Every structure is written in C-alpha cells, then in structure tokens.
C-alpha cells in the first residue's frame, strides 16, 4: 500500500501531471522508482517543511527523491510544467491561455540557513533575507518568479523580466501590469515600455479609508503570498541556493493548479477534450 498523506496527489491530479514530466532516459538500467511516489515525497517536504533526510521511510529513499527534485530544477522542468498547467487552468476557466493583464509584487522573507547565498537586508521592512519577486495573472497563479537578495523593487522586476524572448513567448497577450508605489518611476516605466511594450499602472493604498480594504487588483498577488503560507517549507527561506527556493515556489503553484484543474474537470468531464483542442491551436 502506498503511503497516504494529506499532501499526496489524487489519481486525477497525477494523471494530469504525469504526461508533463520527463520520460526516462534511453539506455542504462530501466527506471525502477515510482514517479508518483517521488512527486508525493517532494510535496510532503513542501507541505511539512522537513529536511530531505527526515522523509518517512514509506517514501522512496530521500537521496532518490532529492535527485529528481534537483535534476528537474536544473533542466527547467518545474518552470515548464508550471507554464503548461497555467495554460490548462486558464482555458478551463474560460479564459485565453495567455493573460492580457498581470500583477507584479515582492515579498521579503527571512532566511533560516546561515550558509545561504545571495542574502541581503530590507531596510524598509527590517528583514534580513531574500525577496520573492512574483508576476501573477488575475487568477493569482504564478507566471514567473525570481528569488534574490533584498534588491529594490525595480531592480527585482528587471530580474523577473530580464529574458525578453522567453517572457514574450510565455505572455504573448500581456499589455498591462499592476504594481505598487515601489515600482513607480519614469525610467523604469520607460524601460518596460521600450522592451516589452507593456503599460505599468501604479495602484496605491488609500489612507483616507480606515480599516482593512483590499487594494484594487493588487490583492490577488497578496492572496498568492497567503496561499504559500500553507506550505511550511515556504514560511521562511530555508534554501542555500536562490534557485532552490524558486523551484519550491513553482512546485507550490503547480500543486494549487492541479487541485483547481482536477476539480474543474471533475465537474465538467467532457471539457478535457475542449481544452485539448483549444491548446493545440495556441
């Protein structure tokens, strides 16, 4: 019997994910490990926040699980799976596969590992650690992420958007990005316009209103940060390498999208064929 944990993928979620994972390499010894068990083990580490060596014994060996996590980080599998699932989720929600608007924001998190690389100090929030720079669509799902030292918002945004060819391919319809006051500035706005032909719209907090009031459009990225709080591995930045932290953010987003997509297809089972036909035309 496979181990049963709340973090495990359902069979419907696994069937959606399995087709996106890399096939076994040709030659050599045939693959003997169960990839579904490997993926469940990675999700267990994400949700429980434990060290790799503390994986329960009913999962595959921790070195095997970490090997797959690391290889898929290095070859860009996590980012590619996130991109594919994001298209599927948007189409299942009766939206275009590529968003026309997005929200850009950052979150400062403390680092918990003394040996962590690329650590800085956010003087505004008085946090020693790293910043998570996220670009999300209006559904709140992550399009791109960069984890770096506590650089200013504009510099962090250039890291997220620093690959024009790849960015244009993944968000071909994007025309508008909502940001907060940290991204304001004529020079940065002109850089975005000249490089991508996108419009930055600054949405500021209204001090005249007392109490908690959701900020127009920007509340969606704040909700995404809140979703990540359900993953104890993301409660702080426990990773030595920033790239490892980015991989865990992509995995957390993949988990959210699999749940949304599996639930949507469970309610409308015939829509899986419609989604496949639409994506073939994209």
Protein backbone atom coordinates (compact mmCIF):
# COMPACT_ATOMS: atom_id res chain seq x y z
CA UNK A 1 0.00 0.00 0.00
CA UNK A 2 1.39 3.45 -0.91
CA UNK A 3 1.71 5.95 1.94
CA UNK A 4 -1.34 8.14 2.49
CA UNK A 5 -0.71 11.75 3.49
CA UNK A 6 -2.81 14.91 3.03
CA UNK A 7 -0.11 16.26 0.70
CA UNK A 8 -0.43 13.33 -1.73
CA UNK A 9 -1.74 13.84 -5.23
CA UNK A 10 -5.08 12.29 -6.09
CA UNK A 11 -5.17 9.92 -9.04
CA UNK A 12 -6.83 12.58 -11.22
CA UNK A 13 -4.15 15.11 -10.32
CA UNK A 14 -1.39 12.60 -11.03
CA UNK A 15 -2.83 11.75 -14.45
CA UNK A 16 -2.74 15.46 -15.33
CA UNK A 17 0.85 15.84 -14.13
CA UNK A 18 2.41 12.58 -15.31
CA UNK A 19 2.23 13.50 -19.00
CA UNK A 20 4.28 16.65 -18.36
CA UNK A 21 7.20 15.02 -16.53
CA UNK A 22 10.32 13.97 -18.49
CA UNK A 23 10.42 10.41 -19.76
CA UNK A 24 13.13 8.01 -18.62
CA UNK A 25 16.44 8.34 -20.45
CA UNK A 26 17.28 5.80 -23.12
CA UNK A 27 19.91 3.20 -22.33
CA UNK A 28 21.23 2.09 -19.00
CA UNK A 29 19.25 0.43 -16.25
CA UNK A 30 15.45 0.81 -16.60
CA UNK A 31 13.76 3.21 -14.20
CA UNK A 32 12.52 1.28 -11.15
CA UNK A 33 11.27 4.09 -8.91
CA UNK A 34 7.61 5.13 -8.94
CA UNK A 35 7.47 8.77 -10.09
CA UNK A 36 4.11 9.29 -8.38
CA UNK A 37 5.72 8.30 -5.06
CA UNK A 38 8.65 10.64 -5.80
CA UNK A 39 6.28 13.53 -6.50
CA UNK A 40 4.29 12.80 -3.35
CA UNK A 41 7.53 12.83 -1.36
CA UNK A 42 8.52 16.23 -2.80
CA UNK A 43 5.08 17.60 -1.91
CA UNK A 44 5.45 16.15 1.60
CA UNK A 45 8.69 18.10 2.08
CA UNK A 46 7.00 21.23 0.73
CA UNK A 47 3.94 20.97 3.00
CA UNK A 48 5.61 19.61 6.14
CA UNK A 49 8.73 21.78 5.87
CA UNK A 50 11.01 18.93 6.94
CA UNK A 51 14.55 18.20 5.81
CA UNK A 52 15.09 15.74 2.98
CA UNK A 53 16.72 13.24 5.35
CA UNK A 54 13.58 13.25 7.52
CA UNK A 55 11.27 11.84 4.84
CA UNK A 56 9.16 8.97 6.21
CA UNK A 57 10.54 5.54 5.36
CA UNK A 58 7.48 4.56 3.30
CA UNK A 59 8.54 7.04 0.62
CA UNK A 60 11.42 6.29 -1.78
CA UNK A 61 14.90 6.93 -0.38
CA UNK A 62 15.49 10.60 0.28
CA UNK A 63 18.56 10.69 -1.98
CA UNK A 64 16.44 9.41 -4.87
CA UNK A 65 13.71 11.98 -4.21
CA UNK A 66 16.21 14.83 -3.94
CA UNK A 67 17.94 13.64 -7.12
CA UNK A 68 14.74 14.04 -9.14
CA UNK A 69 13.96 17.40 -7.50
CA UNK A 70 17.46 18.71 -8.31
CA UNK A 71 17.60 17.35 -11.88
CA UNK A 72 14.19 18.84 -12.70
CA UNK A 73 15.33 22.14 -11.23
CA UNK A 74 18.47 22.23 -13.31
CA UNK A 75 16.80 21.29 -16.61
CA UNK A 76 13.88 23.72 -16.13
CA UNK A 77 11.19 21.04 -15.74
CA UNK A 78 9.44 22.74 -12.82
CA UNK A 79 9.19 26.02 -14.73
CA UNK A 80 7.97 24.26 -17.88
CA UNK A 81 5.34 22.21 -16.02
CA UNK A 82 4.14 25.39 -14.34
CA UNK A 83 3.79 27.05 -17.75
CA UNK A 84 1.83 24.16 -19.27
CA UNK A 85 -0.53 23.77 -16.32
CA UNK A 86 -1.10 27.51 -16.24
CA UNK A 87 -2.40 27.37 -19.80
CA UNK A 88 -4.69 24.45 -18.97
CA UNK A 89 -6.12 26.16 -15.90
CA UNK A 90 -6.86 29.39 -17.74
CA UNK A 91 -8.61 27.57 -20.58
CA UNK A 92 -10.63 25.52 -18.06
CA UNK A 93 -11.77 28.85 -16.55
CA UNK A 94 -12.99 30.07 -19.97
CA UNK A 95 -10.06 32.46 -20.39
CA UNK A 96 -7.39 32.84 -23.04
CA UNK A 97 -4.34 30.65 -22.44
CA UNK A 98 -2.13 33.75 -22.15
CA UNK A 99 -3.19 36.60 -19.83
CA UNK A 100 -3.59 40.19 -21.00
CA UNK A 101 -3.01 41.64 -17.52
CA UNK A 102 -0.83 40.68 -14.56
CA UNK A 103 0.25 41.86 -11.12
CA UNK A 104 3.87 42.31 -10.02
CA UNK A 105 4.92 42.42 -6.38
CA UNK A 106 7.61 41.28 -3.96
CA UNK A 107 7.70 39.67 -0.51
CA UNK A 108 10.60 39.87 1.93
CA UNK A 109 11.24 36.62 3.82
CA UNK A 110 13.82 35.72 6.43
CA UNK A 111 16.50 33.18 5.65
CA UNK A 112 16.95 30.33 8.12
CA UNK A 113 20.22 28.89 6.80
CA UNK A 114 23.50 30.60 7.80
CA UNK A 115 25.15 29.27 4.62
CA UNK A 116 22.50 30.79 2.35
CA UNK A 117 23.80 32.57 -0.75
CA UNK A 118 22.56 35.96 -2.03
CA UNK A 119 21.18 37.28 1.25
CA UNK A 120 20.51 40.97 1.83
CA UNK A 121 18.77 43.34 4.22
CA UNK A 122 15.45 45.05 3.52
CA UNK A 123 15.72 48.33 5.40
CA UNK A 124 12.07 49.23 4.82
CA UNK A 125 10.74 46.05 6.42
CA UNK A 126 13.80 45.39 8.58
CA UNK A 127 14.15 41.83 7.31
CA UNK A 128 17.44 40.06 6.67
CA UNK A 129 16.87 37.51 3.94
CA UNK A 130 15.68 37.40 0.36
CA UNK A 131 12.89 38.88 -1.70
CA UNK A 132 10.44 36.83 -3.74
CA UNK A 133 9.55 38.77 -6.87
CA UNK A 134 6.36 37.35 -8.39
CA UNK A 135 4.46 38.03 -11.57
CA UNK A 136 0.96 36.54 -11.31
CA UNK A 137 -2.11 36.62 -13.54
CA UNK A 138 -5.55 37.81 -12.45
CA UNK A 139 -6.35 34.31 -11.16
CA UNK A 140 -3.43 34.61 -8.75
CA UNK A 141 -1.28 31.87 -10.32
CA UNK A 142 2.45 32.45 -10.74
CA UNK A 143 3.75 33.27 -14.21
CA UNK A 144 7.38 33.93 -13.27
CA UNK A 145 9.36 34.17 -10.05
CA UNK A 146 12.84 35.28 -9.02
CA UNK A 147 14.26 34.94 -5.52
CA UNK A 148 17.20 37.23 -4.87
CA UNK A 149 18.84 39.34 -2.20
CA UNK A 150 16.87 42.29 -0.91
CA UNK A 151 17.25 44.41 -4.02
CA UNK A 152 14.84 47.29 -4.68
CA UNK A 153 11.55 46.52 -6.40
CA UNK A 154 12.57 47.96 -9.77
CA UNK A 155 15.84 46.02 -9.83
CA UNK A 156 13.98 42.86 -8.83
CA UNK A 157 11.42 43.40 -11.57
CA UNK A 158 14.22 43.59 -14.14
CA UNK A 159 15.44 40.21 -12.88
CA UNK A 160 11.97 38.72 -13.39
CA UNK A 161 11.55 40.31 -16.81
CA UNK A 162 15.19 40.08 -17.84
CA UNK A 163 14.72 37.49 -20.61
CA UNK A 164 12.71 39.28 -23.34
CA UNK A 165 12.41 36.38 -25.81
CA UNK A 166 11.25 33.87 -23.21
CA UNK A 167 8.95 36.36 -21.49
CA UNK A 168 7.26 37.41 -24.73
CA UNK A 169 6.69 33.77 -25.65
CA UNK A 170 5.01 32.93 -22.35
CA UNK A 171 2.83 36.03 -22.04
CA UNK A 172 2.23 36.92 -25.66
CA UNK A 173 -1.05 38.79 -24.93
CA UNK A 174 0.18 40.76 -21.94
CA UNK A 175 -0.34 44.52 -22.19
CA UNK A 176 -0.92 45.76 -18.61
CA UNK A 177 0.83 45.16 -15.27
CA UNK A 178 -0.47 46.49 -11.96
CA UNK A 179 2.23 47.43 -9.44
CA UNK A 180 2.57 49.27 -6.14
CA UNK A 181 4.42 52.51 -5.43
CA UNK A 182 7.77 50.75 -5.14
CA UNK A 183 7.83 50.23 -8.91
CA UNK A 184 6.98 53.81 -9.81
CA UNK A 185 9.47 55.92 -11.70
CA UNK A 186 9.71 57.27 -15.21
CA UNK A 187 12.95 55.48 -16.07
CA UNK A 188 11.65 52.03 -15.10
CA UNK A 189 8.29 52.62 -16.77
CA UNK A 190 10.04 53.64 -19.99
CA UNK A 191 12.28 50.54 -19.80
CA UNK A 192 9.22 48.27 -19.60
CA UNK A 193 7.51 50.12 -22.44
CA UNK A 194 10.58 50.14 -24.70
CA UNK A 195 11.48 46.49 -24.01
CA UNK A 196 8.08 44.81 -23.92
CA UNK A 197 5.50 47.41 -24.99
CA UNK A 198 3.66 46.91 -21.70
CA UNK A 199 1.92 49.55 -19.59
CA UNK A 200 2.61 49.81 -15.87
CA UNK A 201 -0.30 51.05 -13.76
CA UNK A 202 0.54 52.03 -10.19
CA UNK A 203 -2.21 51.20 -7.69
CA UNK A 204 -1.69 52.99 -4.38
CA UNK A 205 -3.21 52.42 -0.97
CA UNK A 206 -5.87 54.93 0.09
CA UNK A 207 -5.06 56.41 3.50
CA UNK A 208 -8.45 58.09 3.78
CA UNK A 209 -10.21 54.75 4.34
CA UNK A 210 -9.90 53.23 7.83
CA UNK A 211 -9.60 49.52 8.47
CA UNK A 212 -8.74 46.76 6.05
CA UNK A 213 -9.68 47.42 2.44
CA UNK A 214 -8.48 45.19 -0.43
CA UNK A 215 -6.38 47.16 -2.89
CA UNK A 216 -7.72 47.03 -6.42
CA UNK A 217 -6.12 44.16 -8.39
CA UNK A 218 -3.09 44.06 -6.09
CA UNK A 219 -5.00 41.97 -3.52
CA UNK A 220 -4.67 39.00 -5.88
CA UNK A 221 -0.91 38.75 -5.54
CA UNK A 222 -1.24 39.19 -1.78
CA UNK A 223 -3.63 36.24 -1.80
CA UNK A 224 -0.96 34.23 -3.64
CA UNK A 225 1.53 35.01 -0.87
CA UNK A 226 -1.13 33.83 1.58
CA UNK A 227 -1.55 30.56 -0.31
CA UNK A 228 2.16 29.89 0.14
CA UNK A 229 1.74 30.09 3.92
CA UNK A 230 0.06 26.67 3.77
CA UNK A 231 3.47 25.27 2.77
CA UNK A 232 5.78 25.23 5.78
CA UNK A 233 8.85 25.00 3.54
CA UNK A 234 7.96 28.49 2.26
CA UNK A 235 7.23 30.03 5.68
CA UNK A 236 10.88 31.13 5.62
CA UNK A 237 13.60 30.78 3.03
CA UNK A 238 15.32 27.60 4.18
CA UNK A 239 17.33 27.10 1.00
CA UNK A 240 21.04 27.68 0.47
CA UNK A 241 20.57 28.49 -3.24
CA UNK A 242 18.00 31.02 -4.51
CA UNK A 243 17.25 28.68 -7.42
CA UNK A 244 16.07 26.00 -4.96
CA UNK A 245 13.68 28.48 -3.35
CA UNK A 246 12.31 29.37 -6.78
CA UNK A 247 11.76 25.68 -7.56
CA UNK A 248 9.72 25.21 -4.39
CA UNK A 249 7.57 28.23 -5.28
CA UNK A 250 6.88 26.73 -8.70
CA UNK A 251 6.01 23.38 -7.07
CA UNK A 252 3.61 25.09 -4.64
CA UNK A 253 1.95 26.82 -7.58
CA UNK A 254 1.82 23.53 -9.53
CA UNK A 255 0.05 21.91 -6.59
CA UNK A 256 -2.55 24.68 -6.48
CA UNK A 257 -3.20 24.49 -10.21
CA UNK A 258 -3.52 20.70 -10.18
CA UNK A 259 -6.17 20.95 -7.48
CA UNK A 260 -8.06 23.64 -9.37
CA UNK A 261 -7.81 21.82 -12.69
CA UNK A 262 -8.79 18.40 -11.31
CA UNK A 263 -11.82 19.91 -9.58
CA UNK A 264 -12.86 21.76 -12.73
CA UNK A 265 -12.61 18.64 -14.89
CA UNK A 266 -14.43 16.59 -12.24
CA UNK A 267 -17.41 18.93 -12.54
CA UNK A 268 -17.24 19.03 -16.35
CA UNK A 269 -15.53 15.79 -17.52
CA UNK A 270 -16.20 16.45 -21.21
CA UNK A 271 -14.27 19.73 -21.08
CA UNK A 272 -10.94 17.91 -21.13
CA UNK A 273 -11.42 17.35 -24.86
CA UNK A 274 -12.35 21.00 -25.41
CA UNK A 275 -9.26 22.14 -23.51
CA UNK A 276 -7.01 19.85 -25.54
CA UNK A 277 -8.42 21.19 -28.84
CA UNK A 278 -8.01 24.81 -27.77
CA UNK A 279 -4.41 24.31 -26.61
CA UNK A 280 -3.49 22.62 -29.88
CA UNK A 281 -4.44 25.85 -31.68
CA UNK A 282 -2.42 28.08 -29.30
